[in-house]
Amino acid sequence: MSIDGKIDCFGDICPVPLIKLERALKTMIPGDSVILVTDHSCVPESVADRFESAHINVDSDEVMNGVWEITVTKRLLD
Protein backbone atom coordinates (compact mmCIF):
# COMPACT_ATOMS: atom_id res chain seq x y z
CA MET A 1 0.00 0.00 0.00
CA SER A 2 1.35 3.39 -0.91
CA ILE A 3 0.22 6.58 0.79
CA ASP A 4 -0.81 9.22 -1.72
CA GLY A 5 -1.11 12.18 0.60
CA LYS A 6 -1.58 13.60 4.06
CA ILE A 7 -4.41 15.78 5.32
CA ASP A 8 -3.45 18.02 8.25
CA CYS A 9 -6.44 18.57 10.52
CA PHE A 10 -4.65 19.82 13.64
CA GLY A 11 -7.02 22.16 15.44
CA ASP A 12 -9.95 21.30 13.15
CA ILE A 13 -13.12 20.11 14.84
CA CYS A 14 -15.92 18.11 13.23
CA PRO A 15 -17.18 18.36 10.57
CA VAL A 16 -14.09 20.04 9.03
CA PRO A 17 -11.95 16.84 8.88
CA LEU A 18 -14.86 14.97 7.29
CA ILE A 19 -15.26 17.67 4.65
CA LYS A 20 -11.52 17.67 3.87
CA LEU A 21 -11.58 13.88 3.58
CA GLU A 22 -14.64 13.94 1.31
CA ARG A 23 -12.81 16.31 -1.03
CA ALA A 24 -9.75 14.04 -1.10
CA LEU A 25 -11.84 10.92 -1.75
CA LYS A 26 -13.38 12.54 -4.84
CA THR A 27 -9.94 12.70 -6.46
CA MET A 28 -8.78 9.24 -5.35
CA ILE A 29 -8.96 6.12 -7.47
CA PRO A 30 -9.32 2.58 -6.09
CA GLY A 31 -6.09 1.55 -4.37
CA ASP A 32 -5.18 5.11 -3.31
CA SER A 33 -4.65 5.91 0.36
CA VAL A 34 -4.47 9.11 2.35
CA ILE A 35 -3.57 9.81 5.99
CA LEU A 36 -5.62 12.28 7.98
CA VAL A 37 -3.78 13.62 11.05
CA THR A 38 -5.87 15.04 13.88
CA ASP A 39 -5.64 16.09 17.50
CA HIS A 40 -9.35 15.77 18.32
CA SER A 41 -10.50 12.50 19.86
CA CYS A 42 -13.94 12.51 18.19
CA VAL A 43 -12.54 12.55 14.64
CA PRO A 44 -11.41 8.87 14.36
CA GLU A 45 -14.86 7.60 15.31
CA SER A 46 -16.60 10.18 13.10
CA VAL A 47 -14.46 9.21 10.10
CA ALA A 48 -15.06 5.50 10.68
CA ASP A 49 -18.82 6.02 11.02
CA ARG A 50 -19.04 8.21 7.91
CA PHE A 51 -16.63 6.54 5.49
CA GLU A 52 -16.25 2.88 6.41
CA SER A 53 -18.34 1.48 3.58
CA ALA A 54 -18.15 -1.32 1.07
CA HIS A 55 -15.39 0.45 -0.88
CA ILE A 56 -13.42 2.41 1.76
CA ASN A 57 -11.13 1.05 4.49
CA VAL A 58 -10.52 3.15 7.60
CA ASP A 59 -7.67 2.38 10.01
CA SER A 60 -7.01 4.64 12.99
CA ASP A 61 -3.93 4.72 15.22
CA GLU A 62 -3.14 6.99 18.15
CA VAL A 63 0.52 7.67 17.29
CA MET A 64 1.15 9.72 20.42
CA ASN A 65 -0.99 10.88 23.29
CA GLY A 66 -3.79 12.92 21.73
CA VAL A 67 -2.65 12.62 18.09
CA TRP A 68 -4.29 10.21 15.65
CA GLU A 69 -3.35 9.14 12.15
CA ILE A 70 -6.32 7.82 10.22
CA THR A 71 -5.44 5.92 7.05
CA VAL A 72 -8.25 5.88 4.51
CA THR A 73 -7.93 3.58 1.49
CA LYS A 74 -10.29 3.46 -1.45
CA ARG A 75 -10.76 -0.26 -2.12
CA LEU A 76 -10.70 -1.86 -5.51
CA LEU A 77 -14.18 -2.62 -6.79
CA ASP A 78 -15.21 -6.28 -6.58
PDB file of N, CA and C in Angstrom:
ATOM      1  N   MET A   1       0.846  -1.183   0.000  1.00  0.00           N
ATOM      2  CA  MET A   1       0.000   0.000   0.000  1.00  0.00           C
ATOM      3  C   MET A   1       0.883   1.234   0.000  1.00  0.00           C
ATOM      4  N   SER A   2       0.622   2.127  -0.903  1.00  0.00           N
ATOM      5  CA  SER A   2       1.345   3.387  -0.907  1.00  0.00           C
ATOM      6  C   SER A   2       0.420   4.490  -0.418  1.00  0.00           C
ATOM      7  N   ILE A   3       0.988   5.446   0.277  1.00  0.00           N
ATOM      8  CA  ILE A   3       0.224   6.578   0.786  1.00  0.00           C
ATOM      9  C   ILE A   3       0.346   7.714  -0.218  1.00  0.00           C
ATOM     10  N   ASP A   4      -0.788   8.221  -0.664  1.00  0.00           N
ATOM     11  CA  ASP A   4      -0.813   9.216  -1.720  1.00  0.00           C
ATOM     12  C   ASP A   4      -0.929  10.648  -1.219  1.00  0.00           C
ATOM     13  N   GLY A   5      -1.029  10.831   0.084  1.00  0.00           N
ATOM     14  CA  GLY A   5      -1.113  12.184   0.603  1.00  0.00           C
ATOM     15  C   GLY A   5      -1.398  12.207   2.086  1.00  0.00           C
ATOM     16  N   LYS A   6      -1.325  13.398   2.642  1.00  0.00           N
ATOM     17  CA  LYS A   6      -1.584  13.595   4.056  1.00  0.00           C
ATOM     18  C   LYS A   6      -2.484  14.810   4.194  1.00  0.00           C
ATOM     19  N   ILE A   7      -3.496  14.691   5.051  1.00  0.00           N
ATOM     20  CA  ILE A   7      -4.409  15.785   5.319  1.00  0.00           C
ATOM     21  C   ILE A   7      -4.166  16.244   6.752  1.00  0.00           C
ATOM     22  N   ASP A   8      -3.736  17.468   6.921  1.00  0.00           N
ATOM     23  CA  ASP A   8      -3.451  18.024   8.245  1.00  0.00           C
ATOM     24  C   ASP A   8      -4.719  18.644   8.810  1.00  0.00           C
ATOM     25  N   CYS A   9      -5.221  18.059   9.886  1.00  0.00           N
ATOM     26  CA  CYS A   9      -6.436  18.568  10.523  1.00  0.00           C
ATOM     27  C   CYS A   9      -6.184  18.980  11.973  1.00  0.00           C
ATOM     28  N   PHE A  10      -4.947  19.353  12.292  1.00  0.00           N
ATOM     29  CA  PHE A  10      -4.651  19.822  13.640  1.00  0.00           C
ATOM     30  C   PHE A  10      -5.483  21.065  13.930  1.00  0.00           C
ATOM     31  N   GLY A  11      -6.200  21.035  15.036  1.00  0.00           N
ATOM     32  CA  GLY A  11      -7.021  22.162  15.437  1.00  0.00           C
ATOM     33  C   GLY A  11      -8.400  22.187  14.802  1.00  0.00           C
ATOM     34  N   ASP A  12      -8.637  21.334  13.808  1.00  0.00           N
ATOM     35  CA  ASP A  12      -9.948  21.298  13.149  1.00  0.00           C
ATOM     36  C   ASP A  12     -10.903  20.417  13.946  1.00  0.00           C
ATOM     37  N   ILE A  13     -12.113  20.912  14.166  1.00  0.00           N
ATOM     38  CA  ILE A  13     -13.124  20.115  14.839  1.00  0.00           C
ATOM     39  C   ILE A  13     -14.155  19.663  13.805  1.00  0.00           C
ATOM     40  N   CYS A  14     -14.898  18.622  14.149  1.00  0.00           N
ATOM     41  CA  CYS A  14     -15.915  18.106  13.230  1.00  0.00           C
ATOM     42  C   CYS A  14     -16.925  19.199  12.935  1.00  0.00           C
ATOM     43  N   PRO A  15     -17.325  19.304  11.682  1.00  0.00           N
ATOM     44  CA  PRO A  15     -17.180  18.360  10.572  1.00  0.00           C
ATOM     45  C   PRO A  15     -16.036  18.688   9.619  1.00  0.00           C
ATOM     46  N   VAL A  16     -15.141  19.614   9.965  1.00  0.00           N
ATOM     47  CA  VAL A  16     -14.091  20.043   9.030  1.00  0.00           C
ATOM     48  C   VAL A  16     -13.237  18.875   8.541  1.00  0.00           C
ATOM     49  N   PRO A  17     -12.733  17.969   9.403  1.00  0.00           N
ATOM     50  CA  PRO A  17     -11.947  16.842   8.884  1.00  0.00           C
ATOM     51  C   PRO A  17     -12.738  15.957   7.922  1.00  0.00           C
ATOM     52  N   LEU A  18     -14.026  15.779   8.186  1.00  0.00           N
ATOM     53  CA  LEU A  18     -14.861  14.973   7.289  1.00  0.00           C
ATOM     54  C   LEU A  18     -14.988  15.636   5.921  1.00  0.00           C
ATOM     55  N   ILE A  19     -15.144  16.940   5.914  1.00  0.00           N
ATOM     56  CA  ILE A  19     -15.261  17.671   4.649  1.00  0.00           C
ATOM     57  C   ILE A  19     -13.956  17.587   3.858  1.00  0.00           C
ATOM     58  N   LYS A  20     -12.825  17.765   4.545  1.00  0.00           N
ATOM     59  CA  LYS A  20     -11.523  17.667   3.869  1.00  0.00           C
ATOM     60  C   LYS A  20     -11.319  16.272   3.296  1.00  0.00           C
ATOM     61  N   LEU A  21     -11.728  15.253   4.051  1.00  0.00           N
ATOM     62  CA  LEU A  21     -11.576  13.877   3.584  1.00  0.00           C
ATOM     63  C   LEU A  21     -12.500  13.592   2.408  1.00  0.00           C
ATOM     64  N   GLU A  22     -13.725  14.103   2.444  1.00  0.00           N
ATOM     65  CA  GLU A  22     -14.642  13.937   1.312  1.00  0.00           C
ATOM     66  C   GLU A  22     -14.043  14.512   0.032  1.00  0.00           C
ATOM     67  N   ARG A  23     -13.440  15.680   0.133  1.00  0.00           N
ATOM     68  CA  ARG A  23     -12.807  16.311  -1.033  1.00  0.00           C
ATOM     69  C   ARG A  23     -11.685  15.437  -1.576  1.00  0.00           C
ATOM     70  N   ALA A  24     -10.864  14.890  -0.671  1.00  0.00           N
ATOM     71  CA  ALA A  24      -9.752  14.038  -1.097  1.00  0.00           C
ATOM     72  C   ALA A  24     -10.264  12.760  -1.762  1.00  0.00           C
ATOM     73  N   LEU A  25     -11.303  12.159  -1.199  1.00  0.00           N
ATOM     74  CA  LEU A  25     -11.840  10.919  -1.751  1.00  0.00           C
ATOM     75  C   LEU A  25     -12.365  11.100  -3.168  1.00  0.00           C
ATOM     76  N   LYS A  26     -12.872  12.275  -3.486  1.00  0.00           N
ATOM     77  CA  LYS A  26     -13.385  12.536  -4.835  1.00  0.00           C
ATOM     78  C   LYS A  26     -12.286  12.454  -5.891  1.00  0.00           C
ATOM     79  N   THR A  27     -11.044  12.724  -5.504  1.00  0.00           N
ATOM     80  CA  THR A  27      -9.938  12.700  -6.462  1.00  0.00           C
ATOM     81  C   THR A  27      -9.173  11.378  -6.442  1.00  0.00           C
ATOM     82  N   MET A  28      -9.496  10.504  -5.494  1.00  0.00           N
ATOM     83  CA  MET A  28      -8.781   9.242  -5.353  1.00  0.00           C
ATOM     84  C   MET A  28      -9.382   8.169  -6.263  1.00  0.00           C
ATOM     85  N   ILE A  29      -8.514   7.281  -6.704  1.00  0.00           N
ATOM     86  CA  ILE A  29      -8.960   6.122  -7.471  1.00  0.00           C
ATOM     87  C   ILE A  29      -8.792   4.886  -6.587  1.00  0.00           C
ATOM     88  N   PRO A  30      -9.475   3.786  -6.897  1.00  0.00           N
ATOM     89  CA  PRO A  30      -9.324   2.576  -6.092  1.00  0.00           C
ATOM     90  C   PRO A  30      -7.850   2.186  -5.934  1.00  0.00           C
ATOM     91  N   GLY A  31      -7.466   1.893  -4.704  1.00  0.00           N
ATOM     92  CA  GLY A  31      -6.090   1.554  -4.371  1.00  0.00           C
ATOM     93  C   GLY A  31      -5.338   2.702  -3.743  1.00  0.00           C
ATOM     94  N   ASP A  32      -5.812   3.937  -3.923  1.00  0.00           N
ATOM     95  CA  ASP A  32      -5.179   5.110  -3.312  1.00  0.00           C
ATOM     96  C   ASP A  32      -5.470   5.162  -1.818  1.00  0.00           C
ATOM     97  N   SER A  33      -4.503   5.721  -1.069  1.00  0.00           N
ATOM     98  CA  SER A  33      -4.655   5.912   0.365  1.00  0.00           C
ATOM     99  C   SER A  33      -4.246   7.321   0.740  1.00  0.00           C
ATOM    100  N   VAL A  34      -4.814   7.808   1.814  1.00  0.00           N
ATOM    101  CA  VAL A  34      -4.465   9.113   2.350  1.00  0.00           C
ATOM    102  C   VAL A  34      -4.459   8.998   3.878  1.00  0.00           C
ATOM    103  N   ILE A  35      -3.609   9.781   4.529  1.00  0.00           N
ATOM    104  CA  ILE A  35      -3.566   9.810   5.987  1.00  0.00           C
ATOM    105  C   ILE A  35      -4.103  11.144   6.455  1.00  0.00           C
ATOM    106  N   LEU A  36      -5.088  11.086   7.343  1.00  0.00           N
ATOM    107  CA  LEU A  36      -5.624  12.275   7.982  1.00  0.00           C
ATOM    108  C   LEU A  36      -5.028  12.335   9.383  1.00  0.00           C
ATOM    109  N   VAL A  37      -4.399  13.453   9.738  1.00  0.00           N
ATOM    110  CA  VAL A  37      -3.777  13.622  11.048  1.00  0.00           C
ATOM    111  C   VAL A  37      -4.620  14.603  11.847  1.00  0.00           C
ATOM    112  N   THR A  38      -4.997  14.206  13.062  1.00  0.00           N
ATOM    113  CA  THR A  38      -5.873  15.037  13.882  1.00  0.00           C
ATOM    114  C   THR A  38      -5.469  14.999  15.354  1.00  0.00           C
ATOM    115  N   ASP A  39      -5.878  16.035  16.068  1.00  0.00           N
ATOM    116  CA  ASP A  39      -5.638  16.085  17.504  1.00  0.00           C
ATOM    117  C   ASP A  39      -6.951  16.159  18.284  1.00  0.00           C
ATOM    118  N   HIS A  40      -8.051  15.802  17.640  1.00  0.00           N
ATOM    119  CA  HIS A  40      -9.353  15.768  18.319  1.00  0.00           C
ATOM    120  C   HIS A  40      -9.848  14.338  18.402  1.00  0.00           C
ATOM    121  N   SER A  41     -10.172  13.903  19.609  1.00  0.00           N
ATOM    122  CA  SER A  41     -10.499  12.497  19.856  1.00  0.00           C
ATOM    123  C   SER A  41     -11.779  12.029  19.179  1.00  0.00           C
ATOM    124  N   CYS A  42     -12.685  12.927  18.823  1.00  0.00           N
ATOM    125  CA  CYS A  42     -13.937  12.506  18.187  1.00  0.00           C
ATOM    126  C   CYS A  42     -13.764  12.204  16.706  1.00  0.00           C
ATOM    127  N   VAL A  43     -12.702  12.681  16.090  1.00  0.00           N
ATOM    128  CA  VAL A  43     -12.535  12.545  14.641  1.00  0.00           C
ATOM    129  C   VAL A  43     -12.361  11.092  14.189  1.00  0.00           C
ATOM    130  N   PRO A  44     -11.537  10.265  14.851  1.00  0.00           N
ATOM    131  CA  PRO A  44     -11.406   8.875  14.360  1.00  0.00           C
ATOM    132  C   PRO A  44     -12.748   8.136  14.294  1.00  0.00           C
ATOM    133  N   GLU A  45     -13.563   8.279  15.305  1.00  0.00           N
ATOM    134  CA  GLU A  45     -14.859   7.602  15.306  1.00  0.00           C
ATOM    135  C   GLU A  45     -15.790   8.205  14.252  1.00  0.00           C
ATOM    136  N   SER A  46     -15.767   9.521  14.099  1.00  0.00           N
ATOM    137  CA  SER A  46     -16.605  10.177  13.100  1.00  0.00           C
ATOM    138  C   SER A  46     -16.229   9.739  11.693  1.00  0.00           C
ATOM    139  N   VAL A  47     -14.927   9.638  11.421  1.00  0.00           N
ATOM    140  CA  VAL A  47     -14.457   9.210  10.102  1.00  0.00           C
ATOM    141  C   VAL A  47     -14.871   7.763   9.845  1.00  0.00           C
ATOM    142  N   ALA A  48     -14.685   6.906  10.844  1.00  0.00           N
ATOM    143  CA  ALA A  48     -15.061   5.495  10.681  1.00  0.00           C
ATOM    144  C   ALA A  48     -16.561   5.365  10.432  1.00  0.00           C
ATOM    145  N   ASP A  49     -17.367   6.099  11.190  1.00  0.00           N
ATOM    146  CA  ASP A  49     -18.818   6.023  11.018  1.00  0.00           C
ATOM    147  C   ASP A  49     -19.252   6.521   9.639  1.00  0.00           C
ATOM    148  N   ARG A  50     -18.618   7.574   9.165  1.00  0.00           N
ATOM    149  CA  ARG A  50     -19.038   8.213   7.914  1.00  0.00           C
ATOM    150  C   ARG A  50     -18.519   7.491   6.661  1.00  0.00           C
ATOM    151  N   PHE A  51     -17.270   7.008   6.720  1.00  0.00           N
ATOM    152  CA  PHE A  51     -16.629   6.537   5.489  1.00  0.00           C
ATOM    153  C   PHE A  51     -16.377   5.044   5.406  1.00  0.00           C
ATOM    154  N   GLU A  52     -16.531   4.307   6.483  1.00  0.00           N
ATOM    155  CA  GLU A  52     -16.251   2.878   6.409  1.00  0.00           C
ATOM    156  C   GLU A  52     -17.419   2.191   5.703  1.00  0.00           C
ATOM    157  N   SER A  53     -17.282   2.049   4.411  1.00  0.00           N
ATOM    158  CA  SER A  53     -18.340   1.483   3.575  1.00  0.00           C
ATOM    159  C   SER A  53     -17.792   0.301   2.808  1.00  0.00           C
ATOM    160  N   ALA A  54     -18.551  -0.160   1.856  1.00  0.00           N
ATOM    161  CA  ALA A  54     -18.147  -1.320   1.068  1.00  0.00           C
ATOM    162  C   ALA A  54     -16.867  -1.073   0.266  1.00  0.00           C
ATOM    163  N   HIS A  55     -16.536   0.184  -0.014  1.00  0.00           N
ATOM    164  CA  HIS A  55     -15.386   0.446  -0.879  1.00  0.00           C
ATOM    165  C   HIS A  55     -14.345   1.367  -0.253  1.00  0.00           C
ATOM    166  N   ILE A  56     -14.398   1.553   1.077  1.00  0.00           N
ATOM    167  CA  ILE A  56     -13.421   2.406   1.762  1.00  0.00           C
ATOM    168  C   ILE A  56     -12.993   1.728   3.056  1.00  0.00           C
ATOM    169  N   ASN A  57     -11.676   1.572   3.239  1.00  0.00           N
ATOM    170  CA  ASN A  57     -11.126   1.052   4.492  1.00  0.00           C
ATOM    171  C   ASN A  57     -10.667   2.213   5.351  1.00  0.00           C
ATOM    172  N   VAL A  58     -10.939   2.137   6.655  1.00  0.00           N
ATOM    173  CA  VAL A  58     -10.516   3.155   7.604  1.00  0.00           C
ATOM    174  C   VAL A  58      -9.740   2.469   8.711  1.00  0.00           C
ATOM    175  N   ASP A  59      -8.503   2.925   8.947  1.00  0.00           N
ATOM    176  CA  ASP A  59      -7.667   2.375  10.008  1.00  0.00           C
ATOM    177  C   ASP A  59      -7.126   3.536  10.825  1.00  0.00           C
ATOM    178  N   SER A  60      -7.396   3.531  12.125  1.00  0.00           N
ATOM    179  CA  SER A  60      -7.011   4.640  12.995  1.00  0.00           C
ATOM    180  C   SER A  60      -5.971   4.176  14.003  1.00  0.00           C
ATOM    181  N   ASP A  61      -4.989   5.037  14.265  1.00  0.00           N
ATOM    182  CA  ASP A  61      -3.930   4.715  15.216  1.00  0.00           C
ATOM    183  C   ASP A  61      -3.554   5.973  15.992  1.00  0.00           C
ATOM    184  N   GLU A  62      -3.586   5.870  17.320  1.00  0.00           N
ATOM    185  CA  GLU A  62      -3.136   6.987  18.150  1.00  0.00           C
ATOM    186  C   GLU A  62      -1.611   6.903  18.225  1.00  0.00           C
ATOM    187  N   VAL A  63      -0.930   7.754  17.452  1.00  0.00           N
ATOM    188  CA  VAL A  63       0.520   7.665  17.293  1.00  0.00           C
ATOM    189  C   VAL A  63       1.270   8.292  18.463  1.00  0.00           C
ATOM    190  N   MET A  64       0.639   9.195  19.158  1.00  0.00           N
ATOM    191  CA  MET A  64       1.150   9.719  20.418  1.00  0.00           C
ATOM    192  C   MET A  64      -0.052  10.216  21.194  1.00  0.00           C
ATOM    193  N   ASN A  65       0.125  10.479  22.449  1.00  0.00           N
ATOM    194  CA  ASN A  65      -0.992  10.881  23.290  1.00  0.00           C
ATOM    195  C   ASN A  65      -1.729  12.080  22.688  1.00  0.00           C
ATOM    196  N   GLY A  66      -2.967  11.846  22.256  1.00  0.00           N
ATOM    197  CA  GLY A  66      -3.794  12.918  21.730  1.00  0.00           C
ATOM    198  C   GLY A  66      -3.603  13.232  20.259  1.00  0.00           C
ATOM    199  N   VAL A  67      -2.843  12.406  19.525  1.00  0.00           N
ATOM    200  CA  VAL A  67      -2.646  12.615  18.086  1.00  0.00           C
ATOM    201  C   VAL A  67      -2.958  11.304  17.358  1.00  0.00           C
ATOM    202  N   TRP A  68      -3.868  11.385  16.408  1.00  0.00           N
ATOM    203  CA  TRP A  68      -4.288  10.210  15.647  1.00  0.00           C
ATOM    204  C   TRP A  68      -3.906  10.356  14.184  1.00  0.00           C
ATOM    205  N   GLU A  69      -3.521   9.236  13.598  1.00  0.00           N
ATOM    206  CA  GLU A  69      -3.346   9.136  12.151  1.00  0.00           C
ATOM    207  C   GLU A  69      -4.404   8.163  11.661  1.00  0.00           C
ATOM    208  N   ILE A  70      -5.236   8.636  10.756  1.00  0.00           N
ATOM    209  CA  ILE A  70      -6.320   7.825  10.220  1.00  0.00           C
ATOM    210  C   ILE A  70      -6.004   7.561   8.749  1.00  0.00           C
ATOM    211  N   THR A  71      -5.748   6.296   8.433  1.00  0.00           N
ATOM    212  CA  THR A  71      -5.440   5.924   7.054  1.00  0.00           C
ATOM    213  C   THR A  71      -6.735   5.497   6.376  1.00  0.00           C
ATOM    214  N   VAL A  72      -7.039   6.160   5.275  1.00  0.00           N
ATOM    215  CA  VAL A  72      -8.251   5.876   4.507  1.00  0.00           C
ATOM    216  C   VAL A  72      -7.818   5.382   3.129  1.00  0.00           C
ATOM    217  N   THR A  73      -8.296   4.195   2.758  1.00  0.00           N
ATOM    218  CA  THR A  73      -7.934   3.584   1.493  1.00  0.00           C
ATOM    219  C   THR A  73      -9.188   3.295   0.693  1.00  0.00           C
ATOM    220  N   LYS A  74      -9.191   3.749  -0.540  1.00  0.00           N
ATOM    221  CA  LYS A  74     -10.295   3.458  -1.445  1.00  0.00           C
ATOM    222  C   LYS A  74     -10.037   2.061  -2.012  1.00  0.00           C
ATOM    223  N   ARG A  75     -10.934   1.125  -1.699  1.00  0.00           N
ATOM    224  CA  ARG A  75     -10.756  -0.260  -2.119  1.00  0.00           C
ATOM    225  C   ARG A  75     -11.048  -0.449  -3.599  1.00  0.00           C
ATOM    226  N   LEU A  76     -10.415  -1.470  -4.143  1.00  0.00           N
ATOM    227  CA  LEU A  76     -10.705  -1.860  -5.513  1.00  0.00           C
ATOM    228  C   LEU A  76     -12.128  -2.404  -5.569  1.00  0.00           C
ATOM    229  N   LEU A  77     -12.812  -2.129  -6.644  1.00  0.00           N
ATOM    230  CA  LEU A  77     -14.179  -2.618  -6.789  1.00  0.00           C
ATOM    231  C   LEU A  77     -14.156  -4.115  -7.033  1.00  0.00           C
ATOM    232  N   ASP A  78     -15.120  -4.809  -6.432  1.00  0.00           N
ATOM    233  CA  ASP A  78     -15.206  -6.277  -6.582  1.00  0.00           C
ATOM    234  C   ASP A  78     -15.766  -6.650  -7.912  1.00  0.00           C
TER     235      ASP A  78
END
